[in-house]
Amino acid sequence: MSAAPASAQGPALRTSARSPRLTATRLGLAYGKARVVHDLSLDVPQGKFTAIIGPNGCGKSTLLRALARLHAPQQGAVLLDGRDIHDMPTREVAREVGL
């Protein structure tokens, strides 16, 4: 299991080494002009738990909203099995992703 430290720029992520189904690449998330997550890449391994930890206001909930297709990224993409979740039908994403 690997971990990245929490910082003022974003949450720390803990993942294990197993084939990812859900991937975020160079993700940038914002509310208007207020950037919350900067250039974040993440693999969520299939069949494993991934913990997102960090201080209040570092972007944990915003990241989860982006992974669930509830918040569109300003930069980068969220991929499910290699496909951008924003190009997939809502019902298909809901069947495959549980956050």
N, C-alpha and C. Protein backbone atom coordinates (compact mmCIF):
# COMPACT_ATOMS: atom_id res chain seq x y z
N MET A 1 0.85 -1.17 0.00
CA MET A 1 0.00 0.00 0.00
C MET A 1 0.89 1.22 0.00
N SER A 2 0.56 2.20 -0.85
CA SER A 2 1.33 3.42 -0.90
C SER A 2 0.50 4.58 -0.41
N ALA A 3 1.16 5.61 0.08
CA ALA A 3 0.43 6.78 0.57
C ALA A 3 1.20 8.03 0.21
N ALA A 4 0.45 9.07 -0.10
CA ALA A 4 1.04 10.38 -0.35
C ALA A 4 0.60 11.28 0.79
N PRO A 5 1.47 12.15 1.29
CA PRO A 5 1.09 12.99 2.42
C PRO A 5 0.05 14.04 2.02
N ALA A 6 -0.80 14.40 2.99
CA ALA A 6 -1.78 15.47 2.77
C ALA A 6 -1.03 16.79 2.71
N SER A 7 -1.53 17.68 1.90
CA SER A 7 -0.92 19.00 1.81
C SER A 7 -2.03 20.03 1.69
N ALA A 8 -1.64 21.28 1.71
CA ALA A 8 -2.61 22.35 1.55
C ALA A 8 -3.23 22.33 0.16
N GLN A 9 -2.58 21.62 -0.78
CA GLN A 9 -3.08 21.59 -2.14
C GLN A 9 -3.96 20.39 -2.43
N GLY A 10 -4.14 19.48 -1.50
CA GLY A 10 -5.01 18.36 -1.81
C GLY A 10 -4.94 17.25 -0.80
N PRO A 11 -5.83 16.28 -0.96
CA PRO A 11 -5.90 15.16 -0.03
C PRO A 11 -4.78 14.15 -0.26
N ALA A 12 -4.51 13.36 0.77
CA ALA A 12 -3.56 12.26 0.64
C ALA A 12 -4.35 11.04 0.20
N LEU A 13 -3.75 10.20 -0.60
CA LEU A 13 -4.42 9.04 -1.16
C LEU A 13 -3.68 7.79 -0.77
N ARG A 14 -4.41 6.77 -0.35
CA ARG A 14 -3.80 5.48 -0.03
C ARG A 14 -4.41 4.44 -0.95
N THR A 15 -3.58 3.76 -1.70
CA THR A 15 -4.06 2.74 -2.61
C THR A 15 -3.16 1.52 -2.53
N SER A 16 -3.62 0.40 -3.03
CA SER A 16 -2.79 -0.79 -3.10
C SER A 16 -2.55 -1.11 -4.57
N ALA A 17 -1.55 -1.96 -4.84
CA ALA A 17 -1.18 -2.27 -6.21
C ALA A 17 -2.06 -3.38 -6.76
N ARG A 18 -3.09 -3.03 -7.51
CA ARG A 18 -3.96 -3.97 -8.19
C ARG A 18 -4.55 -3.24 -9.39
N SER A 19 -4.97 -3.94 -10.38
CA SER A 19 -5.45 -3.34 -11.61
C SER A 19 -6.57 -2.32 -11.37
N PRO A 20 -6.37 -1.06 -11.80
CA PRO A 20 -7.39 -0.04 -11.57
C PRO A 20 -8.52 -0.11 -12.59
N ARG A 21 -9.73 0.14 -12.15
CA ARG A 21 -10.87 0.32 -13.06
C ARG A 21 -11.19 1.80 -13.15
N LEU A 22 -11.02 2.51 -12.04
CA LEU A 22 -11.33 3.93 -11.98
C LEU A 22 -10.02 4.69 -11.84
N THR A 23 -9.79 5.64 -12.75
CA THR A 23 -8.54 6.38 -12.81
C THR A 23 -8.83 7.86 -13.01
N ALA A 24 -8.10 8.70 -12.30
CA ALA A 24 -8.14 10.14 -12.53
C ALA A 24 -6.77 10.53 -13.07
N THR A 25 -6.74 11.29 -14.14
CA THR A 25 -5.47 11.70 -14.73
C THR A 25 -5.38 13.21 -14.81
N ARG A 26 -4.34 13.75 -14.17
CA ARG A 26 -4.03 15.19 -14.18
C ARG A 26 -5.27 16.03 -13.90
N LEU A 27 -6.02 15.62 -12.87
CA LEU A 27 -7.30 16.25 -12.55
C LEU A 27 -7.12 17.62 -11.92
N GLY A 28 -7.87 18.58 -12.43
CA GLY A 28 -7.95 19.91 -11.85
C GLY A 28 -9.41 20.21 -11.58
N LEU A 29 -9.74 20.52 -10.33
CA LEU A 29 -11.13 20.77 -9.94
C LEU A 29 -11.24 22.14 -9.32
N ALA A 30 -12.33 22.83 -9.63
CA ALA A 30 -12.51 24.19 -9.14
C ALA A 30 -13.99 24.49 -8.95
N TYR A 31 -14.23 25.51 -8.14
CA TYR A 31 -15.54 26.12 -8.01
C TYR A 31 -15.36 27.54 -8.51
N GLY A 32 -15.85 27.82 -9.72
CA GLY A 32 -15.60 29.11 -10.33
C GLY A 32 -14.11 29.26 -10.58
N LYS A 33 -13.52 30.34 -10.08
CA LYS A 33 -12.08 30.57 -10.25
C LYS A 33 -11.26 30.00 -9.09
N ALA A 34 -11.93 29.52 -8.06
CA ALA A 34 -11.23 28.97 -6.89
C ALA A 34 -10.84 27.51 -7.16
N ARG A 35 -9.57 27.28 -7.45
CA ARG A 35 -9.06 25.94 -7.73
C ARG A 35 -8.91 25.18 -6.42
N VAL A 36 -9.47 23.98 -6.37
CA VAL A 36 -9.47 23.18 -5.14
C VAL A 36 -8.49 22.00 -5.24
N VAL A 37 -8.46 21.35 -6.38
CA VAL A 37 -7.56 20.21 -6.62
C VAL A 37 -6.69 20.55 -7.82
N HIS A 38 -5.38 20.32 -7.67
CA HIS A 38 -4.41 20.70 -8.70
C HIS A 38 -3.67 19.47 -9.24
N ASP A 39 -3.80 19.17 -10.51
CA ASP A 39 -2.97 18.18 -11.20
C ASP A 39 -2.86 16.85 -10.43
N LEU A 40 -3.99 16.29 -10.06
CA LEU A 40 -4.02 15.05 -9.27
C LEU A 40 -4.23 13.85 -10.19
N SER A 41 -3.41 12.83 -10.02
CA SER A 41 -3.59 11.56 -10.72
C SER A 41 -3.76 10.47 -9.67
N LEU A 42 -4.66 9.53 -9.96
CA LEU A 42 -5.03 8.52 -8.97
C LEU A 42 -5.57 7.29 -9.66
N ASP A 43 -5.21 6.11 -9.17
CA ASP A 43 -5.79 4.85 -9.61
C ASP A 43 -6.53 4.24 -8.43
N VAL A 44 -7.77 3.83 -8.65
CA VAL A 44 -8.53 3.14 -7.62
C VAL A 44 -8.58 1.67 -8.02
N PRO A 45 -7.87 0.80 -7.30
CA PRO A 45 -7.79 -0.61 -7.68
C PRO A 45 -9.14 -1.33 -7.52
N GLN A 46 -9.39 -2.23 -8.43
CA GLN A 46 -10.62 -3.03 -8.39
C GLN A 46 -10.61 -3.95 -7.18
N GLY A 47 -11.73 -4.01 -6.48
CA GLY A 47 -11.88 -4.93 -5.36
C GLY A 47 -11.15 -4.54 -4.10
N LYS A 48 -10.60 -3.36 -4.03
CA LYS A 48 -9.86 -2.88 -2.86
C LYS A 48 -10.49 -1.60 -2.34
N PHE A 49 -10.20 -1.26 -1.11
CA PHE A 49 -10.64 0.00 -0.53
C PHE A 49 -9.55 1.05 -0.75
N THR A 50 -9.97 2.25 -1.02
CA THR A 50 -9.04 3.38 -1.16
C THR A 50 -9.47 4.44 -0.17
N ALA A 51 -8.54 4.91 0.66
CA ALA A 51 -8.85 5.94 1.65
C ALA A 51 -8.35 7.29 1.14
N ILE A 52 -9.18 8.29 1.28
CA ILE A 52 -8.80 9.67 0.95
C ILE A 52 -8.82 10.44 2.25
N ILE A 53 -7.65 10.90 2.66
CA ILE A 53 -7.54 11.57 3.95
C ILE A 53 -6.89 12.94 3.77
N GLY A 54 -7.23 13.85 4.66
CA GLY A 54 -6.63 15.17 4.61
C GLY A 54 -7.41 16.14 5.47
N PRO A 55 -6.87 17.33 5.66
CA PRO A 55 -7.54 18.32 6.51
C PRO A 55 -8.80 18.88 5.85
N ASN A 56 -9.62 19.54 6.66
CA ASN A 56 -10.82 20.20 6.15
C ASN A 56 -10.44 21.15 5.02
N GLY A 57 -11.26 21.15 3.97
CA GLY A 57 -11.08 22.10 2.89
C GLY A 57 -10.00 21.77 1.88
N CYS A 58 -9.42 20.56 1.93
CA CYS A 58 -8.33 20.24 1.00
C CYS A 58 -8.81 19.63 -0.31
N GLY A 59 -10.11 19.33 -0.43
CA GLY A 59 -10.64 18.83 -1.69
C GLY A 59 -11.12 17.39 -1.69
N LYS A 60 -11.21 16.75 -0.53
CA LYS A 60 -11.62 15.34 -0.47
C LYS A 60 -13.03 15.14 -1.05
N SER A 61 -13.99 15.92 -0.59
CA SER A 61 -15.37 15.78 -1.07
C SER A 61 -15.49 16.16 -2.53
N THR A 62 -14.76 17.16 -2.95
CA THR A 62 -14.78 17.58 -4.35
C THR A 62 -14.22 16.47 -5.23
N LEU A 63 -13.15 15.83 -4.79
CA LEU A 63 -12.58 14.71 -5.52
C LEU A 63 -13.60 13.57 -5.64
N LEU A 64 -14.26 13.23 -4.54
CA LEU A 64 -15.26 12.17 -4.58
C LEU A 64 -16.40 12.52 -5.54
N ARG A 65 -16.82 13.78 -5.53
CA ARG A 65 -17.87 14.23 -6.46
C ARG A 65 -17.41 14.07 -7.91
N ALA A 66 -16.15 14.37 -8.18
CA ALA A 66 -15.62 14.21 -9.54
C ALA A 66 -15.56 12.74 -9.94
N LEU A 67 -15.14 11.88 -9.01
CA LEU A 67 -15.06 10.45 -9.30
C LEU A 67 -16.44 9.84 -9.52
N ALA A 68 -17.47 10.44 -8.92
CA ALA A 68 -18.84 9.96 -9.07
C ALA A 68 -19.58 10.64 -10.22
N ARG A 69 -18.88 11.48 -10.96
CA ARG A 69 -19.43 12.20 -12.11
C ARG A 69 -20.42 13.30 -11.71
N LEU A 70 -20.28 13.82 -10.52
CA LEU A 70 -21.15 14.89 -10.04
C LEU A 70 -20.50 16.26 -10.16
N HIS A 71 -19.20 16.29 -10.44
CA HIS A 71 -18.46 17.55 -10.58
C HIS A 71 -17.54 17.39 -11.79
N ALA A 72 -17.74 18.21 -12.80
CA ALA A 72 -16.92 18.11 -14.01
C ALA A 72 -15.54 18.70 -13.77
N PRO A 73 -14.50 18.01 -14.19
CA PRO A 73 -13.15 18.54 -14.02
C PRO A 73 -12.89 19.73 -14.93
N GLN A 74 -12.12 20.67 -14.42
CA GLN A 74 -11.68 21.81 -15.21
C GLN A 74 -10.53 21.39 -16.13
N GLN A 75 -9.81 20.37 -15.68
CA GLN A 75 -8.65 19.84 -16.41
C GLN A 75 -8.58 18.35 -16.14
N GLY A 76 -8.03 17.60 -17.07
CA GLY A 76 -7.84 16.17 -16.89
C GLY A 76 -9.12 15.39 -17.13
N ALA A 77 -9.11 14.13 -16.70
CA ALA A 77 -10.26 13.25 -16.94
C ALA A 77 -10.37 12.21 -15.85
N VAL A 78 -11.59 11.70 -15.68
CA VAL A 78 -11.86 10.55 -14.82
C VAL A 78 -12.26 9.42 -15.76
N LEU A 79 -11.52 8.32 -15.70
CA LEU A 79 -11.73 7.20 -16.62
C LEU A 79 -12.23 5.97 -15.87
N LEU A 80 -13.20 5.30 -16.46
CA LEU A 80 -13.70 4.02 -15.96
C LEU A 80 -13.41 3.01 -17.05
N ASP A 81 -12.58 2.04 -16.75
CA ASP A 81 -12.14 1.05 -17.74
C ASP A 81 -11.62 1.72 -19.00
N GLY A 82 -10.89 2.84 -18.83
CA GLY A 82 -10.27 3.53 -19.95
C GLY A 82 -11.17 4.50 -20.69
N ARG A 83 -12.43 4.62 -20.28
CA ARG A 83 -13.38 5.53 -20.95
C ARG A 83 -13.69 6.71 -20.03
N ASP A 84 -13.75 7.91 -20.60
CA ASP A 84 -14.08 9.12 -19.84
C ASP A 84 -15.51 8.99 -19.33
N ILE A 85 -15.70 9.11 -18.01
CA ILE A 85 -17.04 8.91 -17.44
C ILE A 85 -18.03 9.98 -17.90
N HIS A 86 -17.53 11.13 -18.35
CA HIS A 86 -18.42 12.18 -18.83
C HIS A 86 -18.92 11.91 -20.24
N ASP A 87 -18.35 10.91 -20.92
CA ASP A 87 -18.82 10.49 -22.24
C ASP A 87 -19.70 9.25 -22.15
N MET A 88 -19.90 8.73 -20.94
CA MET A 88 -20.69 7.51 -20.75
C MET A 88 -22.09 7.87 -20.26
N PRO A 89 -23.08 7.01 -20.57
CA PRO A 89 -24.43 7.24 -20.05
C PRO A 89 -24.44 7.18 -18.52
N THR A 90 -25.22 8.04 -17.90
CA THR A 90 -25.31 8.12 -16.44
C THR A 90 -25.64 6.76 -15.83
N ARG A 91 -26.57 6.06 -16.40
CA ARG A 91 -26.99 4.76 -15.87
C ARG A 91 -25.85 3.75 -15.87
N GLU A 92 -25.04 3.75 -16.91
CA GLU A 92 -23.90 2.83 -16.99
C GLU A 92 -22.87 3.13 -15.90
N VAL A 93 -22.57 4.41 -15.69
CA VAL A 93 -21.63 4.80 -14.64
C VAL A 93 -22.18 4.40 -13.27
N ALA A 94 -23.46 4.64 -13.03
CA ALA A 94 -24.08 4.32 -11.74
C ALA A 94 -24.04 2.82 -11.46
N ARG A 95 -24.17 1.99 -12.50
CA ARG A 95 -24.10 0.53 -12.29
C ARG A 95 -22.71 0.07 -11.90
N GLU A 96 -21.69 0.78 -12.36
CA GLU A 96 -20.31 0.34 -12.18
C GLU A 96 -19.56 0.98 -11.02
N VAL A 97 -19.97 2.18 -10.61
CA VAL A 97 -19.23 2.92 -9.59
C VAL A 97 -20.09 3.08 -8.34
N GLY A 98 -19.55 2.68 -7.21
CA GLY A 98 -20.20 2.89 -5.92
C GLY A 98 -19.26 3.61 -4.99
N LEU A 99 -19.60 4.85 -4.65
CA LEU A 99 -18.74 5.65 -3.75
C LEU A 99 -19.50 5.97 -2.49
